Amino acid sequence: MVSPSTHWFDLLPTVGLNNDTGVRRHGLFFGYPFEDIEYFLQVEEAILPGKKYVSEGVFSAEEMAYCVFTFYRPEYSKEGYDRAIEIGKQHYESLHRLSDKWELTELAELTEQLHSDYIKRYTADPILAD
């Protein structure tokens, strides 16, 4: 179980992570303490850490978007993001394998949508916390 309550699944499909409301809903879904969610929103570049590496051409937006599947904040270094990208790719592929195994096309679609959304976010202007 990834959420403290199955009723919290209702929070997920209606909002993305590109705004404070989306971040709060995802945080609540995964059971993060509310105080920690609020702190996360106050940290500069909290929503897109590592974007400077895309801007500097160290990683592509597609590569950096795999970091969303690591479920942790990597060490803020090229090596840290190298590891996070590789781990994220493994998790991304695992989600697709599970989708096939369980015949759950929605899982594959959500995985693709999340990756695609982060590619767009890494190529767009920065979104900073309020």
N, C-alpha and C. Protein backbone atom coordinates (compact mmCIF):
# COMPACT_ATOMS: atom_id res chain seq x y z
N MET A 1 0.85 -1.18 0.00
CA MET A 1 0.00 0.00 0.00
C MET A 1 0.89 1.24 0.00
N VAL A 2 0.65 2.15 -0.90
CA VAL A 2 1.46 3.36 -0.98
C VAL A 2 0.78 4.55 -0.32
N SER A 3 -0.52 4.44 -0.05
CA SER A 3 -1.26 5.55 0.54
C SER A 3 -1.86 5.12 1.87
N PRO A 4 -1.93 6.05 2.84
CA PRO A 4 -2.53 5.71 4.12
C PRO A 4 -4.02 5.36 4.00
N SER A 5 -4.68 5.77 2.94
CA SER A 5 -6.11 5.52 2.78
C SER A 5 -6.42 5.28 1.31
N THR A 6 -7.19 4.23 1.04
CA THR A 6 -7.58 3.97 -0.36
C THR A 6 -8.49 5.07 -0.90
N HIS A 7 -9.15 5.80 -0.01
CA HIS A 7 -10.03 6.89 -0.44
C HIS A 7 -9.23 8.06 -1.03
N TRP A 8 -7.95 8.11 -0.74
CA TRP A 8 -7.12 9.21 -1.22
C TRP A 8 -6.75 9.07 -2.68
N PHE A 9 -7.08 7.94 -3.30
CA PHE A 9 -6.84 7.79 -4.74
C PHE A 9 -7.60 8.87 -5.51
N ASP A 10 -8.69 9.35 -4.94
CA ASP A 10 -9.48 10.40 -5.60
C ASP A 10 -8.68 11.68 -5.77
N LEU A 11 -7.61 11.86 -5.02
CA LEU A 11 -6.79 13.07 -5.15
C LEU A 11 -5.95 13.07 -6.42
N LEU A 12 -5.61 11.90 -6.94
CA LEU A 12 -4.60 11.82 -7.99
C LEU A 12 -5.03 12.22 -9.40
N PRO A 13 -6.11 11.74 -9.95
CA PRO A 13 -6.32 11.96 -11.39
C PRO A 13 -6.67 13.38 -11.80
N THR A 14 -7.08 14.22 -10.85
CA THR A 14 -7.61 15.52 -11.24
C THR A 14 -6.59 16.64 -11.29
N VAL A 15 -5.37 16.39 -10.85
CA VAL A 15 -4.42 17.50 -10.76
C VAL A 15 -3.00 17.00 -11.00
N GLY A 16 -2.20 17.84 -11.64
CA GLY A 16 -0.80 17.49 -11.89
C GLY A 16 0.10 18.03 -10.80
N LEU A 17 1.39 17.84 -10.99
CA LEU A 17 2.38 18.30 -10.01
C LEU A 17 2.94 19.68 -10.33
N ASN A 18 2.37 20.37 -11.30
CA ASN A 18 2.98 21.63 -11.72
C ASN A 18 2.45 22.83 -10.95
N ASN A 19 1.80 22.60 -9.82
CA ASN A 19 1.37 23.71 -8.98
C ASN A 19 1.31 23.25 -7.52
N ASP A 20 1.14 24.20 -6.62
CA ASP A 20 1.15 23.89 -5.19
C ASP A 20 0.06 22.90 -4.80
N THR A 21 -1.12 23.05 -5.39
CA THR A 21 -2.23 22.15 -5.07
C THR A 21 -1.88 20.72 -5.45
N GLY A 22 -1.30 20.54 -6.62
CA GLY A 22 -0.91 19.21 -7.05
C GLY A 22 0.13 18.59 -6.15
N VAL A 23 1.11 19.39 -5.75
CA VAL A 23 2.15 18.89 -4.85
C VAL A 23 1.54 18.49 -3.52
N ARG A 24 0.65 19.33 -2.99
CA ARG A 24 0.01 19.01 -1.71
C ARG A 24 -0.80 17.72 -1.81
N ARG A 25 -1.56 17.56 -2.88
CA ARG A 25 -2.40 16.37 -3.04
C ARG A 25 -1.54 15.11 -3.15
N HIS A 26 -0.49 15.18 -3.92
CA HIS A 26 0.39 14.01 -4.04
C HIS A 26 1.06 13.70 -2.70
N GLY A 27 1.50 14.73 -2.01
CA GLY A 27 2.12 14.53 -0.70
C GLY A 27 1.17 13.88 0.29
N LEU A 28 -0.07 14.36 0.32
CA LEU A 28 -1.07 13.77 1.21
C LEU A 28 -1.37 12.33 0.82
N PHE A 29 -1.45 12.08 -0.48
CA PHE A 29 -1.71 10.73 -0.96
C PHE A 29 -0.66 9.75 -0.45
N PHE A 30 0.61 10.14 -0.51
CA PHE A 30 1.69 9.26 -0.08
C PHE A 30 1.92 9.29 1.43
N GLY A 31 1.13 10.10 2.14
CA GLY A 31 1.21 10.12 3.59
C GLY A 31 2.32 10.97 4.15
N TYR A 32 2.84 11.92 3.37
CA TYR A 32 3.89 12.80 3.89
C TYR A 32 3.28 13.74 4.93
N PRO A 33 4.01 14.07 5.99
CA PRO A 33 3.49 15.02 6.98
C PRO A 33 3.22 16.38 6.32
N PHE A 34 2.11 16.99 6.70
CA PHE A 34 1.71 18.26 6.09
C PHE A 34 2.79 19.32 6.24
N GLU A 35 3.44 19.37 7.41
CA GLU A 35 4.50 20.36 7.64
C GLU A 35 5.65 20.18 6.64
N ASP A 36 5.97 18.93 6.33
CA ASP A 36 7.05 18.65 5.38
C ASP A 36 6.65 19.04 3.96
N ILE A 37 5.39 18.85 3.63
CA ILE A 37 4.90 19.27 2.31
C ILE A 37 5.03 20.78 2.18
N GLU A 38 4.62 21.50 3.21
CA GLU A 38 4.69 22.96 3.17
C GLU A 38 6.15 23.43 3.09
N TYR A 39 7.03 22.80 3.83
CA TYR A 39 8.45 23.16 3.75
C TYR A 39 8.98 22.93 2.34
N PHE A 40 8.62 21.80 1.77
CA PHE A 40 9.05 21.46 0.41
C PHE A 40 8.65 22.56 -0.57
N LEU A 41 7.44 23.10 -0.40
CA LEU A 41 6.96 24.14 -1.31
C LEU A 41 7.70 25.46 -1.13
N GLN A 42 8.33 25.66 0.02
CA GLN A 42 9.03 26.91 0.27
C GLN A 42 10.47 26.91 -0.23
N VAL A 43 11.00 25.73 -0.54
CA VAL A 43 12.38 25.61 -0.97
C VAL A 43 12.47 26.03 -2.44
N GLU A 44 13.39 26.93 -2.76
CA GLU A 44 13.57 27.37 -4.14
C GLU A 44 13.89 26.17 -5.03
N GLU A 45 13.24 26.11 -6.16
CA GLU A 45 13.38 25.02 -7.13
C GLU A 45 13.00 23.67 -6.53
N ALA A 46 12.10 23.67 -5.56
CA ALA A 46 11.69 22.42 -4.92
C ALA A 46 11.03 21.48 -5.92
N ILE A 47 10.28 22.04 -6.83
CA ILE A 47 9.51 21.20 -7.75
C ILE A 47 10.39 20.62 -8.85
N LEU A 48 11.42 21.33 -9.27
CA LEU A 48 12.30 20.85 -10.34
C LEU A 48 13.77 20.94 -9.94
N PRO A 49 14.18 20.17 -8.95
CA PRO A 49 15.60 20.21 -8.61
C PRO A 49 16.43 19.67 -9.77
N GLY A 50 17.61 20.20 -9.93
CA GLY A 50 18.49 19.72 -10.99
C GLY A 50 18.24 20.33 -12.36
N LYS A 51 17.32 21.29 -12.45
CA LYS A 51 17.02 21.88 -13.75
C LYS A 51 18.25 22.56 -14.35
N LYS A 52 19.15 23.03 -13.51
CA LYS A 52 20.34 23.70 -14.04
C LYS A 52 21.16 22.76 -14.92
N TYR A 53 21.13 21.47 -14.61
CA TYR A 53 21.87 20.50 -15.42
C TYR A 53 21.28 20.37 -16.82
N VAL A 54 19.99 20.57 -16.94
CA VAL A 54 19.35 20.57 -18.26
C VAL A 54 19.72 21.86 -18.99
N SER A 55 19.62 22.98 -18.27
CA SER A 55 19.96 24.29 -18.87
C SER A 55 21.40 24.34 -19.36
N GLU A 56 22.30 23.68 -18.63
CA GLU A 56 23.72 23.67 -19.00
C GLU A 56 24.06 22.59 -20.01
N GLY A 57 23.08 21.76 -20.38
CA GLY A 57 23.32 20.71 -21.37
C GLY A 57 23.98 19.46 -20.84
N VAL A 58 24.07 19.32 -19.53
CA VAL A 58 24.68 18.13 -18.93
C VAL A 58 23.77 16.92 -19.16
N PHE A 59 22.46 17.11 -18.96
CA PHE A 59 21.47 16.07 -19.20
C PHE A 59 20.36 16.64 -20.08
N SER A 60 19.71 15.77 -20.83
CA SER A 60 18.55 16.21 -21.59
C SER A 60 17.33 16.23 -20.67
N ALA A 61 16.29 16.93 -21.10
CA ALA A 61 15.05 16.95 -20.32
C ALA A 61 14.47 15.54 -20.19
N GLU A 62 14.58 14.75 -21.25
CA GLU A 62 14.07 13.37 -21.21
C GLU A 62 14.82 12.55 -20.15
N GLU A 63 16.14 12.69 -20.11
CA GLU A 63 16.92 11.97 -19.11
C GLU A 63 16.53 12.41 -17.70
N MET A 64 16.49 13.71 -17.47
CA MET A 64 16.21 14.24 -16.15
C MET A 64 14.80 13.85 -15.69
N ALA A 65 13.87 13.71 -16.62
CA ALA A 65 12.50 13.34 -16.28
C ALA A 65 12.41 11.96 -15.65
N TYR A 66 13.38 11.09 -15.89
CA TYR A 66 13.37 9.77 -15.25
C TYR A 66 13.55 9.88 -13.74
N CYS A 67 14.12 10.98 -13.26
CA CYS A 67 14.33 11.16 -11.82
C CYS A 67 13.02 11.14 -11.05
N VAL A 68 11.92 11.45 -11.69
CA VAL A 68 10.63 11.44 -11.00
C VAL A 68 10.29 10.04 -10.50
N PHE A 69 10.88 9.02 -11.09
CA PHE A 69 10.59 7.64 -10.70
C PHE A 69 11.54 7.13 -9.61
N THR A 70 12.41 7.99 -9.08
CA THR A 70 13.30 7.56 -8.00
C THR A 70 12.66 7.73 -6.64
N PHE A 71 11.71 8.63 -6.51
CA PHE A 71 10.97 8.87 -5.27
C PHE A 71 11.86 9.36 -4.13
N TYR A 72 12.94 10.01 -4.45
CA TYR A 72 13.78 10.67 -3.46
C TYR A 72 14.51 11.79 -4.16
N ARG A 73 15.05 12.71 -3.38
CA ARG A 73 15.82 13.80 -3.95
C ARG A 73 17.27 13.36 -4.04
N PRO A 74 17.84 13.28 -5.25
CA PRO A 74 19.23 12.84 -5.38
C PRO A 74 20.22 13.87 -4.86
N GLU A 75 21.42 13.40 -4.58
CA GLU A 75 22.51 14.29 -4.23
C GLU A 75 22.65 15.31 -5.35
N TYR A 76 22.83 16.58 -4.98
CA TYR A 76 22.87 17.64 -5.99
C TYR A 76 24.26 17.71 -6.61
N SER A 77 24.54 16.73 -7.48
CA SER A 77 25.80 16.68 -8.22
C SER A 77 25.53 15.90 -9.50
N LYS A 78 26.44 15.99 -10.45
CA LYS A 78 26.28 15.24 -11.70
C LYS A 78 26.21 13.75 -11.40
N GLU A 79 27.06 13.27 -10.50
CA GLU A 79 27.06 11.86 -10.15
C GLU A 79 25.75 11.44 -9.48
N GLY A 80 25.23 12.31 -8.62
CA GLY A 80 23.96 12.03 -7.95
C GLY A 80 22.83 11.88 -8.96
N TYR A 81 22.81 12.78 -9.94
CA TYR A 81 21.76 12.71 -10.96
C TYR A 81 22.00 11.58 -11.95
N ASP A 82 23.25 11.23 -12.21
CA ASP A 82 23.54 10.04 -13.02
C ASP A 82 22.88 8.81 -12.40
N ARG A 83 23.10 8.66 -11.09
CA ARG A 83 22.51 7.51 -10.37
C ARG A 83 20.99 7.57 -10.41
N ALA A 84 20.45 8.74 -10.12
CA ALA A 84 18.99 8.89 -10.08
C ALA A 84 18.35 8.60 -11.43
N ILE A 85 18.99 9.02 -12.50
CA ILE A 85 18.46 8.75 -13.84
C ILE A 85 18.46 7.25 -14.12
N GLU A 86 19.54 6.58 -13.78
CA GLU A 86 19.60 5.13 -14.01
C GLU A 86 18.57 4.38 -13.17
N ILE A 87 18.45 4.75 -11.91
CA ILE A 87 17.45 4.12 -11.04
C ILE A 87 16.05 4.43 -11.54
N GLY A 88 15.83 5.68 -11.95
CA GLY A 88 14.53 6.07 -12.49
C GLY A 88 14.16 5.29 -13.73
N LYS A 89 15.13 5.06 -14.61
CA LYS A 89 14.87 4.26 -15.82
C LYS A 89 14.48 2.84 -15.45
N GLN A 90 15.15 2.27 -14.45
CA GLN A 90 14.81 0.91 -14.01
C GLN A 90 13.39 0.86 -13.45
N HIS A 91 13.02 1.85 -12.65
CA HIS A 91 11.67 1.89 -12.10
C HIS A 91 10.64 2.10 -13.20
N TYR A 92 10.95 2.98 -14.14
CA TYR A 92 10.07 3.24 -15.29
C TYR A 92 9.81 1.93 -16.06
N GLU A 93 10.87 1.19 -16.34
CA GLU A 93 10.73 -0.08 -17.06
C GLU A 93 9.97 -1.10 -16.22
N SER A 94 10.19 -1.12 -14.91
CA SER A 94 9.46 -2.03 -14.03
C SER A 94 7.96 -1.74 -14.04
N LEU A 95 7.61 -0.46 -14.05
CA LEU A 95 6.20 -0.11 -14.11
C LEU A 95 5.56 -0.60 -15.41
N HIS A 96 6.29 -0.52 -16.50
CA HIS A 96 5.76 -1.03 -17.78
C HIS A 96 5.65 -2.55 -17.75
N ARG A 97 6.63 -3.22 -17.16
CA ARG A 97 6.54 -4.70 -17.05
C ARG A 97 5.34 -5.11 -16.20
N LEU A 98 5.13 -4.41 -15.09
CA LEU A 98 3.99 -4.72 -14.24
C LEU A 98 2.68 -4.44 -14.96
N SER A 99 2.65 -3.38 -15.73
CA SER A 99 1.47 -3.07 -16.51
C SER A 99 1.12 -4.22 -17.46
N ASP A 100 2.14 -4.75 -18.13
CA ASP A 100 1.92 -5.89 -19.03
C ASP A 100 1.50 -7.13 -18.25
N LYS A 101 2.22 -7.41 -17.17
CA LYS A 101 1.95 -8.61 -16.38
C LYS A 101 0.54 -8.60 -15.81
N TRP A 102 0.12 -7.46 -15.29
CA TRP A 102 -1.19 -7.34 -14.66
C TRP A 102 -2.29 -6.95 -15.65
N GLU A 103 -1.90 -6.77 -16.92
CA GLU A 103 -2.84 -6.31 -17.95
C GLU A 103 -3.56 -5.04 -17.50
N LEU A 104 -2.76 -4.11 -17.03
CA LEU A 104 -3.26 -2.86 -16.50
C LEU A 104 -2.74 -1.71 -17.35
N THR A 105 -3.42 -1.46 -18.46
CA THR A 105 -2.96 -0.44 -19.40
C THR A 105 -2.91 0.95 -18.77
N GLU A 106 -3.78 1.19 -17.78
CA GLU A 106 -3.78 2.50 -17.13
C GLU A 106 -2.46 2.79 -16.45
N LEU A 107 -1.81 1.77 -15.91
CA LEU A 107 -0.51 1.97 -15.27
C LEU A 107 0.53 2.44 -16.29
N ALA A 108 0.54 1.81 -17.46
CA ALA A 108 1.47 2.24 -18.51
C ALA A 108 1.16 3.65 -18.97
N GLU A 109 -0.13 3.96 -19.11
CA GLU A 109 -0.52 5.29 -19.56
C GLU A 109 -0.12 6.36 -18.54
N LEU A 110 -0.34 6.09 -17.25
CA LEU A 110 0.04 7.04 -16.21
C LEU A 110 1.56 7.21 -16.14
N THR A 111 2.28 6.11 -16.33
CA THR A 111 3.75 6.17 -16.32
C THR A 111 4.23 7.05 -17.46
N GLU A 112 3.68 6.85 -18.64
CA GLU A 112 4.07 7.66 -19.81
C GLU A 112 3.69 9.12 -19.61
N GLN A 113 2.49 9.35 -19.06
CA GLN A 113 2.03 10.72 -18.85
C GLN A 113 2.93 11.45 -17.85
N LEU A 114 3.30 10.78 -16.78
CA LEU A 114 4.18 11.40 -15.78
C LEU A 114 5.54 11.74 -16.39
N HIS A 115 6.11 10.81 -17.14
CA HIS A 115 7.40 11.06 -17.78
C HIS A 115 7.28 12.22 -18.78
N SER A 116 6.25 12.20 -19.58
CA SER A 116 6.03 13.25 -20.57
C SER A 116 5.83 14.62 -19.90
N ASP A 117 5.06 14.65 -18.81
CA ASP A 117 4.83 15.90 -18.09
C ASP A 117 6.14 16.49 -17.58
N TYR A 118 7.02 15.63 -17.07
CA TYR A 118 8.29 16.12 -16.54
C TYR A 118 9.24 16.55 -17.66
N ILE A 119 9.18 15.91 -18.80
CA ILE A 119 9.98 16.38 -19.94
C ILE A 119 9.56 17.80 -20.28
N LYS A 120 8.26 18.04 -20.34
CA LYS A 120 7.75 19.39 -20.64
C LYS A 120 8.18 20.38 -19.57
N ARG A 121 8.12 19.97 -18.32
CA ARG A 121 8.47 20.88 -17.23
C ARG A 121 9.95 21.21 -17.22
N TYR A 122 10.79 20.26 -17.59
CA TYR A 122 12.22 20.53 -17.63
C TYR A 122 12.61 21.39 -18.83
N THR A 123 11.76 21.48 -19.82
CA THR A 123 12.06 22.33 -20.97
C THR A 123 11.36 23.68 -20.88
N ALA A 124 10.43 23.83 -19.92
CA ALA A 124 9.69 25.09 -19.76
C ALA A 124 10.42 26.02 -18.82
N ASP A 125 9.89 27.23 -18.69
CA ASP A 125 10.42 28.18 -17.73
C ASP A 125 10.24 27.61 -16.33
N PRO A 126 11.11 27.94 -15.39
CA PRO A 126 11.01 27.39 -14.04
C PRO A 126 9.70 27.74 -13.35
N ILE A 127 9.23 26.81 -12.54
CA ILE A 127 8.07 27.03 -11.69
C ILE A 127 8.59 27.01 -10.26
N LEU A 128 8.59 28.16 -9.62
CA LEU A 128 9.10 28.24 -8.26
C LEU A 128 7.94 28.19 -7.27
N ALA A 129 8.22 27.72 -6.09
CA ALA A 129 7.22 27.69 -5.03
C ALA A 129 6.84 29.12 -4.66
N ASP A 130 5.59 29.28 -4.19
CA ASP A 130 5.12 30.59 -3.75
C ASP A 130 5.90 31.08 -2.55
